[in-house]
Amino acid sequence: MPILAMSLPKPNLFSNLPTTPPPTHNPNSTPPLQPPIPIPKYPKKQNPNSSKPQKNSVPAFKTHHHNSKYHKPVKPGQVITEDGDRSVVVKDSGVSYRLPGAPFDFQFSYSETPKAKPLAIREPAFLPFAPPTMPRPWTGKAPMKKSKRNIKLFEPLYPQMESDDDGGKRYEMLRAYELGMFEGKPKKVLGPPLTKMEIQELLKDCIASNRQVNIGRDGLVHNMLELIHTHWRRNPVCKVRCLGVPTVDMNNLCQCLEEKTGGKIIHRVGGVVYLFRGRNYDQRTRPKYPLMLWKPATPVYPKLIQEAPEGLTKEEADELRIKGKKLPPICKLAKNGVYLTLVRDVRSAFEACPLVKIDCRGMHASDYKKLGAKLKVLLIVLLIL
């Protein structure tokens, strides 16, 4: 006779207690207490990768970037936007910004602007400066209380121009600099030229110092003007180190440094420049420039390399491109290098061959485009590849 056996489950000694208590039939029992603060119910998190547009998105809050499809044709000399004395103007050198009382039109870069005329802009024309209605930059704190100290008085920078009739000494309060005050007076700030002994004495502490201003692929940027003046507050000489594409034409960069800052270059070695502030420089009355809060988008310029350059047909240009690929490069340029002898090397290479090849594979994409535009102007050549 077959016997069927089945193992019984063992009792679980660590079983969970019931989640709900058993019902009570006591009519005098009190209901369970509710929490004093209701538990908040948060909305569900949306997936950022979802392509569905948000319901509360406002088109005015969308920022324009370099990959946007904004395209507005412009002409040189055209005033794009104007708000009283503040305006955005298109010049042959690019987009400029005019402010009331400014000694010159401000730009993002003063030395690395293409010689070609811009065709269009990539973003709406806005002034990249703080609004004039803001009394002070926002720091997240309330303004400090008015000081009860006595106001210090200083002698004016040019006492001979503001002399009193009675021959007394005149003092003035420390006040903010007004734009345009130094216009036409850079020679008075520089004073008489320095002697060789004075130049050697000034360069003693600067040559071995690492306190310097670095200039990169964008060249002399507008915010560097204020940075150079902060260096002049400690030392009369500011050390400027230049790297990258601006070193191809150092004469242009040095000219922009002297014109925009009002200083004088007293020494230059390779890509390092020493800028003297002047004998009569005064930190209290120096020019103060507004800072750019963001980098404006680069305008649209004509195509640098065309299929059929000027004076050549498309078939002739293609033949030259095939020959150029087989040529060995005269040099290989590294990223953030000093290219002082590049123009001289290319000019000497043209004496042996009408085609010259430069290896730029280690550089940034925007660097070799700027490099080609500079060589096109300095050597009057055609770029075919």
Protein backbone atom coordinates (compact mmCIF):
# COMPACT_ATOMS: atom_id res chain seq x y z
CA MET A 1 0.00 0.00 0.00
CA PRO A 2 1.63 3.24 -1.08
CA ILE A 3 2.23 5.91 1.53
CA LEU A 4 2.17 9.59 0.59
CA ALA A 5 4.25 11.84 2.79
CA MET A 6 4.48 15.65 2.71
CA SER A 7 6.77 17.81 4.80
CA LEU A 8 5.04 20.50 6.83
CA PRO A 9 6.46 24.06 6.72
CA LYS A 10 8.51 25.03 9.73
CA PRO A 11 7.20 27.90 11.82
CA ASN A 12 8.98 31.25 11.18
CA LEU A 13 10.17 32.60 14.49
CA PHE A 14 10.99 36.06 12.99
CA SER A 15 7.79 36.74 11.13
CA ASN A 16 6.67 40.36 10.68
CA LEU A 17 3.93 41.74 12.83
CA PRO A 18 0.64 42.53 11.13
CA THR A 19 0.63 45.96 9.52
CA THR A 20 -2.89 46.80 10.71
CA PRO A 21 -3.99 46.13 14.27
CA PRO A 22 -6.96 43.86 14.77
CA PRO A 23 -10.30 45.63 14.86
CA THR A 24 -11.59 46.57 18.26
CA HIS A 25 -15.24 46.54 19.15
CA ASN A 26 -14.87 48.94 22.07
CA PRO A 27 -17.23 51.90 21.40
CA ASN A 28 -15.32 54.17 23.83
CA SER A 29 -12.00 53.85 21.96
CA THR A 30 -10.48 57.10 20.55
CA PRO A 31 -9.55 57.41 16.84
CA PRO A 32 -5.83 57.38 15.92
CA LEU A 33 -4.05 60.74 16.14
CA GLN A 34 -3.23 62.58 12.91
CA PRO A 35 0.26 64.10 12.35
CA PRO A 36 0.40 67.82 13.28
CA ILE A 37 1.97 68.76 9.91
CA PRO A 38 0.59 67.21 6.75
CA ILE A 39 3.07 65.26 4.69
CA PRO A 40 3.88 67.27 1.53
CA LYS A 41 3.26 65.71 -1.84
CA TYR A 42 5.99 66.62 -4.31
CA PRO A 43 5.37 66.52 -8.07
CA LYS A 44 6.97 63.80 -10.09
CA LYS A 45 10.38 64.54 -11.55
CA GLN A 46 10.40 64.99 -15.30
CA ASN A 47 12.94 63.24 -17.46
CA PRO A 48 15.39 65.88 -18.83
CA ASN A 49 15.89 63.80 -22.00
CA SER A 50 12.20 63.91 -22.88
CA SER A 51 11.47 65.92 -26.02
CA LYS A 52 8.11 67.21 -24.79
CA PRO A 53 8.16 71.02 -24.32
CA GLN A 54 7.40 72.38 -20.88
CA LYS A 55 4.07 74.08 -20.42
CA ASN A 56 5.50 77.13 -18.61
CA SER A 57 8.38 77.76 -21.04
CA VAL A 58 8.53 81.38 -22.21
CA PRO A 59 10.36 82.16 -25.49
CA ALA A 60 11.79 85.38 -24.02
CA PHE A 61 13.75 83.40 -21.43
CA LYS A 62 15.60 81.33 -24.04
CA THR A 63 19.24 82.40 -24.38
CA HIS A 64 20.86 82.65 -27.79
CA HIS A 65 24.08 80.69 -28.16
CA HIS A 66 26.60 80.02 -30.90
CA ASN A 67 24.61 77.06 -32.27
CA SER A 68 21.37 79.01 -32.61
CA LYS A 69 19.79 79.75 -35.99
CA TYR A 70 19.66 83.51 -35.38
CA HIS A 71 20.96 85.32 -38.47
CA LYS A 72 20.57 89.04 -39.09
CA PRO A 73 22.40 90.66 -42.05
CA VAL A 74 24.28 93.86 -41.21
CA LYS A 75 26.29 96.51 -43.04
CA PRO A 76 29.41 98.41 -41.86
CA GLY A 77 28.47 101.64 -40.10
CA GLN A 78 24.99 100.40 -39.21
CA VAL A 79 23.64 101.13 -35.72
CA ILE A 80 21.87 97.92 -34.67
CA THR A 81 20.39 99.01 -31.34
CA GLU A 82 20.36 102.37 -29.62
CA ASP A 83 19.32 103.25 -26.08
CA GLY A 84 20.05 106.92 -25.59
CA ASP A 85 23.82 107.37 -25.71
CA ARG A 86 24.43 103.60 -25.46
CA SER A 87 24.44 101.81 -28.82
CA VAL A 88 25.78 98.79 -30.70
CA VAL A 89 27.51 99.69 -33.98
CA VAL A 90 28.89 97.48 -36.76
CA LYS A 91 32.26 98.64 -38.11
CA ASP A 92 34.82 97.24 -40.51
CA SER A 93 36.61 95.71 -37.51
CA GLY A 94 33.47 94.00 -36.15
CA VAL A 95 30.82 94.80 -33.56
CA SER A 96 31.60 97.79 -31.31
CA TYR A 97 29.85 99.20 -28.25
CA ARG A 98 29.48 102.93 -27.63
CA LEU A 99 29.02 104.30 -24.14
CA PRO A 100 28.59 107.96 -23.15
CA GLY A 101 31.91 109.63 -22.35
CA ALA A 102 34.05 106.63 -23.39
CA PRO A 103 37.45 107.51 -24.92
CA PHE A 104 36.94 104.93 -27.70
CA ASP A 105 34.43 102.34 -28.88
CA PHE A 106 34.69 99.16 -26.83
CA GLN A 107 35.16 95.72 -28.42
CA PHE A 108 35.58 92.22 -27.09
CA SER A 109 39.03 91.86 -28.71
CA TYR A 110 41.11 94.77 -29.94
CA SER A 111 43.98 92.89 -31.60
CA GLU A 112 42.34 89.76 -33.09
CA THR A 113 39.62 91.30 -35.23
CA PRO A 114 39.51 90.09 -38.86
CA LYS A 115 40.17 92.56 -41.65
CA ALA A 116 37.12 91.31 -43.58
CA LYS A 117 33.80 93.09 -43.12
CA PRO A 118 31.13 91.20 -41.13
CA LEU A 119 28.08 89.94 -43.01
CA ALA A 120 25.63 89.13 -40.19
CA ILE A 121 25.35 88.71 -36.42
CA ARG A 122 24.53 85.45 -34.61
CA GLU A 123 22.62 86.85 -31.62
CA PRO A 124 20.43 89.85 -30.76
CA ALA A 125 22.47 93.00 -30.21
CA PHE A 126 22.81 93.62 -26.48
CA LEU A 127 25.40 95.62 -24.57
CA PRO A 128 27.46 93.11 -22.54
CA PHE A 129 27.83 95.58 -19.66
CA ALA A 130 25.92 96.15 -16.45
CA PRO A 131 22.88 98.46 -16.74
CA PRO A 132 23.56 102.11 -15.84
CA THR A 133 20.68 102.15 -13.33
CA MET A 134 22.47 99.75 -10.97
CA PRO A 135 24.15 101.88 -8.25
CA ARG A 136 26.58 99.14 -7.25
CA PRO A 137 27.30 95.52 -8.22
CA TRP A 138 25.01 93.06 -6.47
CA THR A 139 26.87 91.11 -3.77
CA GLY A 140 23.92 89.45 -2.03
CA LYS A 141 24.12 91.80 0.97
CA ALA A 142 22.53 95.09 1.90
CA PRO A 143 24.65 98.21 1.39
CA MET A 144 26.82 99.24 4.31
CA LYS A 145 25.87 102.11 6.57
CA LYS A 146 27.29 105.52 5.89
CA SER A 147 30.72 105.93 7.39
CA LYS A 148 31.24 108.59 10.08
CA ARG A 149 34.94 108.99 9.37
CA ASN A 150 36.37 112.21 8.03
CA ILE A 151 36.69 112.36 4.26
CA LYS A 152 40.29 112.29 3.06
CA LEU A 153 41.39 115.00 0.66
CA PHE A 154 43.98 114.47 -2.08
CA GLU A 155 45.99 116.80 -4.24
CA PRO A 156 44.81 116.93 -7.87
CA LEU A 157 46.82 115.12 -10.54
CA TYR A 158 47.49 118.33 -12.47
CA PRO A 159 47.75 121.14 -9.87
CA GLN A 160 49.19 123.58 -12.41
CA MET A 161 45.96 123.36 -14.44
CA GLU A 162 43.70 124.02 -11.40
CA SER A 163 45.61 126.71 -9.51
CA ASP A 164 43.83 129.24 -7.33
CA ASP A 165 44.25 132.99 -7.67
CA ASP A 166 45.37 133.44 -4.08
CA GLY A 167 48.20 130.92 -4.50
CA GLY A 168 46.79 128.48 -1.93
CA LYS A 169 46.96 124.71 -2.21
CA ARG A 170 43.89 123.03 -3.63
CA TYR A 171 42.57 119.62 -2.55
CA GLU A 172 39.82 117.42 -3.93
CA MET A 173 37.79 114.41 -2.77
CA LEU A 174 38.36 110.87 -3.97
CA ARG A 175 35.71 110.28 -6.63
CA ALA A 176 34.99 107.80 -9.36
CA TYR A 177 36.68 108.25 -12.70
CA GLU A 178 34.64 109.75 -15.51
CA LEU A 179 35.06 108.19 -18.94
CA GLY A 180 36.93 110.39 -21.39
CA MET A 181 38.98 112.27 -18.78
CA PHE A 182 42.31 110.97 -20.06
CA GLU A 183 41.52 111.62 -23.70
CA GLY A 184 44.40 113.56 -25.25
CA LYS A 185 46.63 113.39 -22.11
CA PRO A 186 48.64 110.15 -22.35
CA LYS A 187 51.95 111.97 -22.89
CA LYS A 188 51.54 113.92 -19.64
CA VAL A 189 51.00 110.66 -17.74
CA LEU A 190 54.03 108.97 -19.33
CA GLY A 191 56.35 111.92 -18.70
CA PRO A 192 59.86 112.13 -20.15
CA PRO A 193 61.34 108.91 -21.60
CA LEU A 194 63.21 106.54 -19.31
CA THR A 195 66.97 106.14 -19.39
CA LYS A 196 68.74 102.79 -19.76
CA MET A 197 69.65 102.71 -16.07
CA GLU A 198 66.04 103.35 -15.05
CA ILE A 199 64.79 100.59 -17.36
CA GLN A 200 67.26 98.10 -15.90
CA GLU A 201 66.23 99.06 -12.37
CA LEU A 202 62.53 98.57 -13.18
CA LEU A 203 63.09 95.19 -14.85
CA LYS A 204 65.04 93.66 -11.96
CA ASP A 205 61.99 92.47 -10.04
CA CYS A 206 59.74 91.80 -13.05
CA ILE A 207 61.86 89.36 -15.07
CA ALA A 208 61.89 86.61 -12.43
CA SER A 209 58.37 87.32 -11.15
CA ASN A 210 55.42 85.10 -12.05
CA ARG A 211 52.90 87.92 -11.55
CA GLN A 212 51.82 88.48 -15.13
CA VAL A 213 48.92 88.90 -17.56
CA ASN A 214 48.43 86.02 -20.00
CA ILE A 215 47.16 86.76 -23.52
CA GLY A 216 45.78 83.77 -25.42
CA ARG A 217 43.99 83.08 -28.67
CA ASP A 218 41.52 85.97 -28.23
CA GLY A 219 44.31 88.55 -28.06
CA LEU A 220 43.91 91.75 -26.05
CA VAL A 221 40.44 91.35 -24.54
CA HIS A 222 38.48 94.30 -23.15
CA ASN A 223 38.54 93.04 -19.54
CA MET A 224 42.35 92.88 -19.66
CA LEU A 225 42.50 96.68 -19.66
CA GLU A 226 41.18 96.75 -16.11
CA LEU A 227 43.42 93.81 -15.18
CA ILE A 228 46.55 95.64 -16.34
CA HIS A 229 45.64 98.68 -14.23
CA THR A 230 45.27 96.46 -11.16
CA HIS A 231 48.81 95.16 -11.78
CA TRP A 232 50.05 98.75 -12.06
CA ARG A 233 48.67 99.40 -8.60
CA ARG A 234 51.48 97.31 -7.07
CA ASN A 235 54.31 97.69 -9.58
CA PRO A 236 55.09 100.37 -12.16
CA VAL A 237 55.77 97.67 -14.78
CA CYS A 238 53.27 94.99 -15.86
CA LYS A 239 54.57 91.75 -17.35
CA VAL A 240 52.46 90.47 -20.28
CA ARG A 241 53.03 86.98 -21.69
CA CYS A 242 51.59 86.30 -25.17
CA LEU A 243 50.92 82.79 -26.49
CA GLY A 244 49.15 81.37 -29.51
CA VAL A 245 47.98 83.10 -32.68
CA PRO A 246 48.55 86.73 -31.50
CA THR A 247 52.33 86.10 -31.53
CA VAL A 248 52.29 85.87 -35.35
CA ASP A 249 51.98 89.67 -35.52
CA MET A 250 53.56 90.99 -32.33
CA ASN A 251 53.89 94.52 -33.71
CA ASN A 252 50.11 94.82 -33.99
CA LEU A 253 49.64 93.44 -30.46
CA CYS A 254 52.18 95.85 -28.96
CA GLN A 255 50.55 98.78 -30.74
CA CYS A 256 47.12 97.84 -29.34
CA LEU A 257 48.58 97.50 -25.83
CA GLU A 258 50.06 100.99 -25.91
CA GLU A 259 47.00 102.64 -27.47
CA LYS A 260 44.34 101.12 -25.21
CA THR A 261 46.18 101.11 -21.88
CA GLY A 262 48.12 104.37 -22.25
CA GLY A 263 51.39 102.71 -21.16
CA LYS A 264 54.77 102.34 -22.84
CA ILE A 265 56.57 99.10 -23.75
CA ILE A 266 60.11 99.35 -22.36
CA HIS A 267 61.32 95.79 -23.03
CA ARG A 268 60.28 92.86 -25.23
CA VAL A 269 61.73 89.34 -25.37
CA GLY A 270 59.98 86.79 -27.58
CA GLY A 271 56.35 86.66 -26.51
CA VAL A 272 56.94 88.51 -23.21
CA VAL A 273 56.29 92.26 -23.08
CA TYR A 274 56.98 94.67 -20.21
CA LEU A 275 54.52 97.58 -20.05
CA PHE A 276 55.43 100.74 -18.10
CA ARG A 277 52.58 102.76 -16.59
CA GLY A 278 54.24 106.22 -16.75
CA ARG A 279 55.99 108.63 -14.41
CA ASN A 280 52.89 110.67 -13.51
CA TYR A 281 50.50 107.72 -13.17
CA ASP A 282 47.97 108.10 -10.34
CA GLN A 283 45.89 105.13 -9.22
CA ARG A 284 43.12 107.33 -7.81
CA THR A 285 42.41 109.09 -11.09
CA ARG A 286 43.21 106.30 -13.52
CA PRO A 287 40.67 105.35 -16.21
CA LYS A 288 38.15 102.72 -15.11
CA TYR A 289 36.44 100.69 -17.80
CA PRO A 290 33.17 98.76 -17.38
CA LEU A 291 33.63 95.00 -17.38
CA MET A 292 32.02 92.76 -19.98
CA LEU A 293 29.72 90.29 -18.27
CA TRP A 294 29.80 87.71 -21.09
CA LYS A 295 31.55 86.99 -24.37
CA PRO A 296 29.51 88.22 -27.35
CA ALA A 297 28.96 85.83 -30.23
CA THR A 298 31.37 86.21 -33.15
CA PRO A 299 29.73 87.76 -36.25
CA VAL A 300 29.46 85.92 -39.55
CA TYR A 301 32.40 86.65 -41.87
CA PRO A 302 33.00 85.66 -45.52
CA LYS A 303 34.26 82.15 -46.14
CA LEU A 304 38.01 81.99 -45.60
CA ILE A 305 38.84 79.12 -48.02
CA GLN A 306 36.84 79.17 -51.25
CA GLU A 307 36.49 76.43 -53.85
CA ALA A 308 37.80 78.73 -56.59
CA PRO A 309 40.06 81.45 -55.11
CA GLU A 310 40.59 84.76 -56.88
CA GLY A 311 42.39 84.34 -60.21
CA LEU A 312 42.03 80.53 -60.30
CA THR A 313 39.42 78.19 -61.69
CA LYS A 314 38.03 75.25 -59.74
CA GLU A 315 40.08 72.74 -61.80
CA GLU A 316 43.32 74.64 -61.20
CA ALA A 317 42.59 74.92 -57.48
CA ASP A 318 41.92 71.16 -57.26
CA GLU A 319 45.24 70.38 -58.96
CA LEU A 320 47.10 72.61 -56.52
CA ARG A 321 45.35 70.91 -53.59
CA ILE A 322 46.46 67.48 -54.84
CA LYS A 323 50.05 68.69 -55.19
CA GLY A 324 49.95 70.38 -51.78
CA LYS A 325 48.94 67.16 -50.01
CA LYS A 326 52.13 65.48 -51.25
CA LEU A 327 54.42 68.29 -50.08
CA PRO A 328 56.27 67.97 -46.75
CA PRO A 329 55.32 70.66 -44.20
CA ILE A 330 57.87 73.37 -43.49
CA CYS A 331 56.99 73.30 -39.76
CA LYS A 332 54.58 71.77 -37.26
CA LEU A 333 52.78 74.21 -34.96
CA ALA A 334 51.88 73.18 -31.43
CA LYS A 335 49.02 74.47 -29.31
CA ASN A 336 49.68 77.72 -27.41
CA GLY A 337 53.11 78.20 -28.94
CA VAL A 338 55.11 81.28 -29.89
CA TYR A 339 55.10 81.78 -33.67
CA LEU A 340 57.43 84.75 -34.04
CA THR A 341 59.36 83.39 -37.04
CA LEU A 342 56.40 81.89 -38.93
CA VAL A 343 55.98 84.79 -41.37
CA ARG A 344 59.71 84.82 -42.13
CA ASP A 345 59.80 81.04 -42.66
CA VAL A 346 56.83 81.10 -45.04
CA ARG A 347 58.29 84.00 -47.01
CA SER A 348 61.63 82.19 -47.43
CA ALA A 349 59.81 78.96 -48.42
CA PHE A 350 58.00 80.79 -51.23
CA GLU A 351 61.37 81.49 -52.85
CA ALA A 352 61.84 77.76 -53.53
CA CYS A 353 58.24 76.63 -54.20
CA PRO A 354 54.97 78.43 -55.00
CA LEU A 355 53.13 76.09 -52.60
CA VAL A 356 53.78 76.03 -48.84
CA LYS A 357 52.32 73.52 -46.39
CA ILE A 358 52.03 74.09 -42.61
CA ASP A 359 51.09 71.27 -40.23
CA CYS A 360 48.40 72.60 -37.82
CA ARG A 361 46.94 69.29 -36.62
CA GLY A 362 47.90 69.96 -33.00
CA MET A 363 46.07 73.30 -32.84
CA HIS A 364 42.49 74.22 -32.02
CA ALA A 365 40.05 74.52 -34.93
CA SER A 366 39.58 78.26 -34.42
CA ASP A 367 43.34 78.80 -34.11
CA TYR A 368 44.35 77.67 -37.57
CA LYS A 369 41.51 79.66 -39.11
CA LYS A 370 42.77 82.82 -37.42
CA LEU A 371 46.30 81.86 -38.41
CA GLY A 372 45.31 81.54 -42.07
CA ALA A 373 43.53 84.90 -41.99
CA LYS A 374 46.65 86.57 -40.56
CA LEU A 375 48.97 85.02 -43.16
CA LYS A 376 46.56 86.05 -45.90
CA VAL A 377 46.90 89.70 -44.85
CA LEU A 378 50.59 89.79 -43.90
CA LEU A 379 51.93 87.87 -46.92
CA ILE A 380 49.12 88.51 -49.48
CA VAL A 381 48.66 84.81 -50.31
CA LEU A 382 45.77 82.57 -51.36
CA LEU A 383 44.53 79.80 -49.07
CA ILE A 384 43.53 76.70 -51.04
CA LEU A 385 43.26 74.02 -48.31
